[in-house]
PDB file of all heavy atoms in Angstrom:
ATOM      1  N   LEU A   1     145.017 207.517 176.643  1.00  0.00           N
ATOM      2  CA  LEU A   1     145.356 206.096 176.512  1.00  0.00           C
ATOM      3  C   LEU A   1     144.582 205.260 177.529  1.00  0.00           C
ATOM      4  O   LEU A   1     144.150 204.147 177.217  1.00  0.00           O
ATOM      5  CB  LEU A   1     146.865 205.904 176.717  1.00  0.00           C
ATOM      6  CG  LEU A   1     147.794 206.638 175.761  1.00  0.00           C
ATOM      7  CD1 LEU A   1     149.241 206.262 176.003  1.00  0.00           C
ATOM      8  CD2 LEU A   1     147.420 206.371 174.299  1.00  0.00           C
ATOM      9  N   ALA A   2     144.399 205.785 178.735  1.00  0.00           N
ATOM     10  CA  ALA A   2     143.618 205.076 179.744  1.00  0.00           C
ATOM     11  C   ALA A   2     142.187 204.866 179.262  1.00  0.00           C
ATOM     12  O   ALA A   2     141.604 203.797 179.457  1.00  0.00           O
ATOM     13  CB  ALA A   2     143.639 205.862 181.058  1.00  0.00           C
ATOM     14  N   ARG A   3     141.626 205.886 178.610  1.00  0.00           N
ATOM     15  CA  ARG A   3     140.245 205.753 178.090  1.00  0.00           C
ATOM     16  C   ARG A   3     140.188 204.689 177.015  1.00  0.00           C
ATOM     17  O   ARG A   3     139.299 203.833 177.035  1.00  0.00           O
ATOM     18  CB  ARG A   3     139.793 207.106 177.529  1.00  0.00           C
ATOM     19  CG  ARG A   3     138.340 207.115 177.063  1.00  0.00           C
ATOM     20  CD  ARG A   3     138.013 208.392 176.330  1.00  0.00           C
ATOM     21  NE  ARG A   3     138.702 208.492 175.056  1.00  0.00           N
ATOM     22  CZ  ARG A   3     138.314 207.854 173.950  1.00  0.00           C
ATOM     23  NH1 ARG A   3     137.263 207.043 173.967  1.00  0.00           N
ATOM     24  NH2 ARG A   3     138.996 208.007 172.814  1.00  0.00           N
ATOM     25  N   LEU A   4     141.153 204.691 176.109  1.00  0.00           N
ATOM     26  CA  LEU A   4     141.154 203.698 175.011  1.00  0.00           C
ATOM     27  C   LEU A   4     141.338 202.290 175.530  1.00  0.00           C
ATOM     28  O   LEU A   4     140.777 201.339 174.971  1.00  0.00           O
ATOM     29  CB  LEU A   4     142.268 204.036 174.007  1.00  0.00           C
ATOM     30  CG  LEU A   4     142.075 205.273 173.154  1.00  0.00           C
ATOM     31  CD1 LEU A   4     143.309 205.522 172.302  1.00  0.00           C
ATOM     32  CD2 LEU A   4     140.838 205.133 172.261  1.00  0.00           C
ATOM     33  N   ALA A   5     142.144 202.134 176.584  1.00  0.00           N
ATOM     34  CA  ALA A   5     142.447 200.806 177.114  1.00  0.00           C
ATOM     35  C   ALA A   5     141.507 200.393 178.240  1.00  0.00           C
ATOM     36  O   ALA A   5     141.672 199.313 178.814  1.00  0.00           O
ATOM     37  CB  ALA A   5     143.890 200.780 177.626  1.00  0.00           C
ATOM     38  N   SER A   6     140.526 201.237 178.569  1.00  0.00           N
ATOM     39  CA  SER A   6     139.568 200.970 179.656  1.00  0.00           C
ATOM     40  C   SER A   6     140.281 200.735 180.970  1.00  0.00           C
ATOM     41  O   SER A   6     139.994 199.784 181.703  1.00  0.00           O
ATOM     42  CB  SER A   6     138.682 199.755 179.296  1.00  0.00           C
ATOM     43  OG  SER A   6     137.965 200.004 178.115  1.00  0.00           O
ATOM     44  N   LEU A   7     141.238 201.595 181.284  1.00  0.00           N
ATOM     45  CA  LEU A   7     141.975 201.539 182.539  1.00  0.00           C
ATOM     46  C   LEU A   7     141.739 202.820 183.327  1.00  0.00           C
ATOM     47  O   LEU A   7     141.471 203.874 182.760  1.00  0.00           O
ATOM     48  CB  LEU A   7     143.469 201.391 182.266  1.00  0.00           C
ATOM     49  CG  LEU A   7     143.955 200.030 181.709  1.00  0.00           C
ATOM     50  CD1 LEU A   7     145.391 200.136 181.241  1.00  0.00           C
ATOM     51  CD2 LEU A   7     143.821 198.942 182.776  1.00  0.00           C
ATOM     52  N   SER A   8     141.886 202.728 184.659  1.00  0.00           N
ATOM     53  CA  SER A   8     141.749 203.932 185.469  1.00  0.00           C
ATOM     54  C   SER A   8     142.938 204.866 185.288  1.00  0.00           C
ATOM     55  O   SER A   8     142.820 206.083 185.484  1.00  0.00           O
ATOM     56  CB  SER A   8     141.613 203.546 186.949  1.00  0.00           C
ATOM     57  OG  SER A   8     142.741 202.806 187.379  1.00  0.00           O
ATOM     58  N   ALA A   9     144.110 204.295 184.946  1.00  0.00           N
ATOM     59  CA  ALA A   9     145.297 205.114 184.702  1.00  0.00           C
ATOM     60  C   ALA A   9     146.207 204.403 183.703  1.00  0.00           C
ATOM     61  O   ALA A   9     146.228 203.179 183.647  1.00  0.00           O
ATOM     62  CB  ALA A   9     146.060 205.368 186.009  1.00  0.00           C
ATOM     63  N   PHE A  10     146.935 205.193 182.945  1.00  0.00           N
ATOM     64  CA  PHE A  10     147.898 204.677 181.979  1.00  0.00           C
ATOM     65  C   PHE A  10     149.125 205.574 182.105  1.00  0.00           C
ATOM     66  O   PHE A  10     149.045 206.778 181.905  1.00  0.00           O
ATOM     67  CB  PHE A  10     147.323 204.736 180.572  1.00  0.00           C
ATOM     68  CG  PHE A  10     148.006 203.859 179.560  1.00  0.00           C
ATOM     69  CD1 PHE A  10     147.334 202.799 178.983  1.00  0.00           C
ATOM     70  CD2 PHE A  10     149.319 204.076 179.205  1.00  0.00           C
ATOM     71  CE1 PHE A  10     147.951 201.966 178.043  1.00  0.00           C
ATOM     72  CE2 PHE A  10     149.945 203.252 178.281  1.00  0.00           C
ATOM     73  CZ  PHE A  10     149.254 202.199 177.705  1.00  0.00           C
ATOM     74  N   HIS A  11     150.258 204.984 182.423  1.00  0.00           N
ATOM     75  CA  HIS A  11     151.435 205.774 182.781  1.00  0.00           C
ATOM     76  C   HIS A  11     152.407 205.920 181.621  1.00  0.00           C
ATOM     77  O   HIS A  11     152.707 204.958 180.918  1.00  0.00           O
ATOM     78  CB  HIS A  11     152.139 205.166 183.975  1.00  0.00           C
ATOM     79  CG  HIS A  11     151.287 205.091 185.205  1.00  0.00           C
ATOM     80  ND1 HIS A  11     151.034 206.191 185.991  1.00  0.00           N
ATOM     81  CD2 HIS A  11     150.615 204.058 185.760  1.00  0.00           C
ATOM     82  CE1 HIS A  11     150.230 205.842 186.993  1.00  0.00           C
ATOM     83  NE2 HIS A  11     149.964 204.552 186.861  1.00  0.00           N
ATOM     84  N   LEU A  12     152.944 207.123 181.467  1.00  0.00           N
ATOM     85  CA  LEU A  12     153.991 207.402 180.491  1.00  0.00           C
ATOM     86  C   LEU A  12     155.315 207.624 181.244  1.00  0.00           C
ATOM     87  O   LEU A  12     155.342 208.271 182.281  1.00  0.00           O
ATOM     88  CB  LEU A  12     153.683 208.638 179.664  1.00  0.00           C
ATOM     89  CG  LEU A  12     152.401 208.633 178.846  1.00  0.00           C
ATOM     90  CD1 LEU A  12     152.293 209.940 178.065  1.00  0.00           C
ATOM     91  CD2 LEU A  12     152.343 207.444 177.903  1.00  0.00           C
ATOM     92  N   LEU A  13     156.396 207.087 180.687  1.00  0.00           N
ATOM     93  CA  LEU A  13     157.737 207.295 181.225  1.00  0.00           C
ATOM     94  C   LEU A  13     158.654 207.739 180.079  1.00  0.00           C
ATOM     95  O   LEU A  13     158.472 207.305 178.942  1.00  0.00           O
ATOM     96  CB  LEU A  13     158.311 205.991 181.783  1.00  0.00           C
ATOM     97  CG  LEU A  13     157.835 205.438 183.111  1.00  0.00           C
ATOM     98  CD1 LEU A  13     158.528 204.098 183.367  1.00  0.00           C
ATOM     99  CD2 LEU A  13     158.130 206.397 184.230  1.00  0.00           C
ATOM    100  N   ASN A  14     159.648 208.560 180.381  1.00  0.00           N
ATOM    101  CA  ASN A  14     160.699 208.776 179.415  1.00  0.00           C
ATOM    102  C   ASN A  14     161.349 207.428 179.107  1.00  0.00           C
ATOM    103  O   ASN A  14     161.518 206.595 179.991  1.00  0.00           O
ATOM    104  CB  ASN A  14     161.732 209.747 179.999  1.00  0.00           C
ATOM    105  CG  ASN A  14     162.975 209.849 179.141  1.00  0.00           C
ATOM    106  OD1 ASN A  14     163.938 209.132 179.366  1.00  0.00           O
ATOM    107  ND2 ASN A  14     162.947 210.718 178.150  1.00  0.00           N
ATOM    108  N   ASP A  15     161.709 207.187 177.849  1.00  0.00           N
ATOM    109  CA  ASP A  15     162.186 205.858 177.462  1.00  0.00           C
ATOM    110  C   ASP A  15     163.475 205.450 178.180  1.00  0.00           C
ATOM    111  O   ASP A  15     163.667 204.273 178.526  1.00  0.00           O
ATOM    112  CB  ASP A  15     162.350 205.748 175.952  1.00  0.00           C
ATOM    113  CG  ASP A  15     163.311 206.756 175.358  1.00  0.00           C
ATOM    114  OD1 ASP A  15     163.615 207.772 176.023  1.00  0.00           O
ATOM    115  OD2 ASP A  15     163.773 206.542 174.218  1.00  0.00           O
ATOM    116  N   LEU A  16     164.368 206.409 178.453  1.00  0.00           N
ATOM    117  CA  LEU A  16     165.608 206.047 179.147  1.00  0.00           C
ATOM    118  C   LEU A  16     165.372 205.840 180.640  1.00  0.00           C
ATOM    119  O   LEU A  16     166.057 205.026 181.271  1.00  0.00           O
ATOM    120  CB  LEU A  16     166.663 207.126 178.919  1.00  0.00           C
ATOM    121  CG  LEU A  16     167.662 206.837 177.791  1.00  0.00           C
ATOM    122  CD1 LEU A  16     168.614 205.733 178.141  1.00  0.00           C
ATOM    123  CD2 LEU A  16     166.962 206.515 176.489  1.00  0.00           C
ATOM    124  N   GLU A  17     164.393 206.518 181.206  1.00  0.00           N
ATOM    125  CA  GLU A  17     163.987 206.231 182.568  1.00  0.00           C
ATOM    126  C   GLU A  17     163.472 204.802 182.664  1.00  0.00           C
ATOM    127  O   GLU A  17     163.777 204.067 183.609  1.00  0.00           O
ATOM    128  CB  GLU A  17     162.915 207.222 183.031  1.00  0.00           C
ATOM    129  CG  GLU A  17     162.478 207.042 184.474  1.00  0.00           C
ATOM    130  CD  GLU A  17     161.346 208.001 184.863  1.00  0.00           C
ATOM    131  OE1 GLU A  17     160.869 208.750 183.980  1.00  0.00           O
ATOM    132  OE2 GLU A  17     160.963 207.994 186.024  1.00  0.00           O
ATOM    133  N   ALA A  18     162.693 204.399 181.659  1.00  0.00           N
ATOM    134  CA  ALA A  18     162.190 203.034 181.610  1.00  0.00           C
ATOM    135  C   ALA A  18     163.328 202.024 181.508  1.00  0.00           C
ATOM    136  O   ALA A  18     163.309 200.993 182.171  1.00  0.00           O
ATOM    137  CB  ALA A  18     161.229 202.872 180.421  1.00  0.00           C
ATOM    138  N   VAL A  19     164.336 202.326 180.690  1.00  0.00           N
ATOM    139  CA  VAL A  19     165.527 201.468 180.612  1.00  0.00           C
ATOM    140  C   VAL A  19     166.169 201.335 181.991  1.00  0.00           C
ATOM    141  O   VAL A  19     166.586 200.251 182.392  1.00  0.00           O
ATOM    142  CB  VAL A  19     166.536 202.020 179.589  1.00  0.00           C
ATOM    143  CG1 VAL A  19     167.853 201.285 179.690  1.00  0.00           C
ATOM    144  CG2 VAL A  19     165.989 201.891 178.174  1.00  0.00           C
ATOM    145  N   GLY A  20     166.233 202.446 182.717  1.00  0.00           N
ATOM    146  CA  GLY A  20     166.810 202.404 184.053  1.00  0.00           C
ATOM    147  C   GLY A  20     166.106 201.448 184.980  1.00  0.00           C
ATOM    148  O   GLY A  20     166.738 200.704 185.741  1.00  0.00           O
ATOM    149  N   PHE A  21     164.771 201.392 184.899  1.00  0.00           N
ATOM    150  CA  PHE A  21     164.009 200.458 185.721  1.00  0.00           C
ATOM    151  C   PHE A  21     164.303 199.009 185.328  1.00  0.00           C
ATOM    152  O   PHE A  21     164.173 198.090 186.150  1.00  0.00           O
ATOM    153  CB  PHE A  21     162.516 200.735 185.584  1.00  0.00           C
ATOM    154  CG  PHE A  21     162.011 201.824 186.475  1.00  0.00           C
ATOM    155  CD1 PHE A  21     161.675 203.074 185.964  1.00  0.00           C
ATOM    156  CD2 PHE A  21     161.864 201.623 187.846  1.00  0.00           C
ATOM    157  CE1 PHE A  21     161.227 204.092 186.775  1.00  0.00           C
ATOM    158  CE2 PHE A  21     161.387 202.634 188.674  1.00  0.00           C
ATOM    159  CZ  PHE A  21     161.070 203.868 188.139  1.00  0.00           C
ATOM    160  N   GLY A  22     164.703 198.803 184.078  1.00  0.00           N
ATOM    161  CA  GLY A  22     164.930 197.440 183.604  1.00  0.00           C
ATOM    162  C   GLY A  22     166.315 196.873 183.862  1.00  0.00           C
ATOM    163  O   GLY A  22     166.527 195.671 183.684  1.00  0.00           O
ATOM    164  N   LEU A  23     167.269 197.711 184.268  1.00  0.00           N
ATOM    165  CA  LEU A  23     168.657 197.252 184.370  1.00  0.00           C
ATOM    166  C   LEU A  23     168.814 196.038 185.293  1.00  0.00           C
ATOM    167  O   LEU A  23     169.544 195.095 184.993  1.00  0.00           O
ATOM    168  CB  LEU A  23     169.570 198.385 184.834  1.00  0.00           C
ATOM    169  CG  LEU A  23     169.805 199.517 183.850  1.00  0.00           C
ATOM    170  CD1 LEU A  23     170.757 200.551 184.449  1.00  0.00           C
ATOM    171  CD2 LEU A  23     170.355 199.003 182.531  1.00  0.00           C
ATOM    172  N   ASP A  24     168.155 196.078 186.431  1.00  0.00           N
ATOM    173  CA  ASP A  24     168.319 194.984 187.392  1.00  0.00           C
ATOM    174  C   ASP A  24     167.640 193.684 186.955  1.00  0.00           C
ATOM    175  O   ASP A  24     167.833 192.639 187.586  1.00  0.00           O
ATOM    176  CB  ASP A  24     167.794 195.401 188.770  1.00  0.00           C
ATOM    177  CG  ASP A  24     168.751 196.353 189.487  1.00  0.00           C
ATOM    178  OD1 ASP A  24     169.963 196.302 189.188  1.00  0.00           O
ATOM    179  OD2 ASP A  24     168.296 197.120 190.353  1.00  0.00           O
TER     180      ASP A  24
END
């Protein structure tokens, strides 16, 4: 994904972990 988006890094998260980051 990083190659396709021309980024040095592209991060994957479990979807519920991502929800956890969004709660606040």
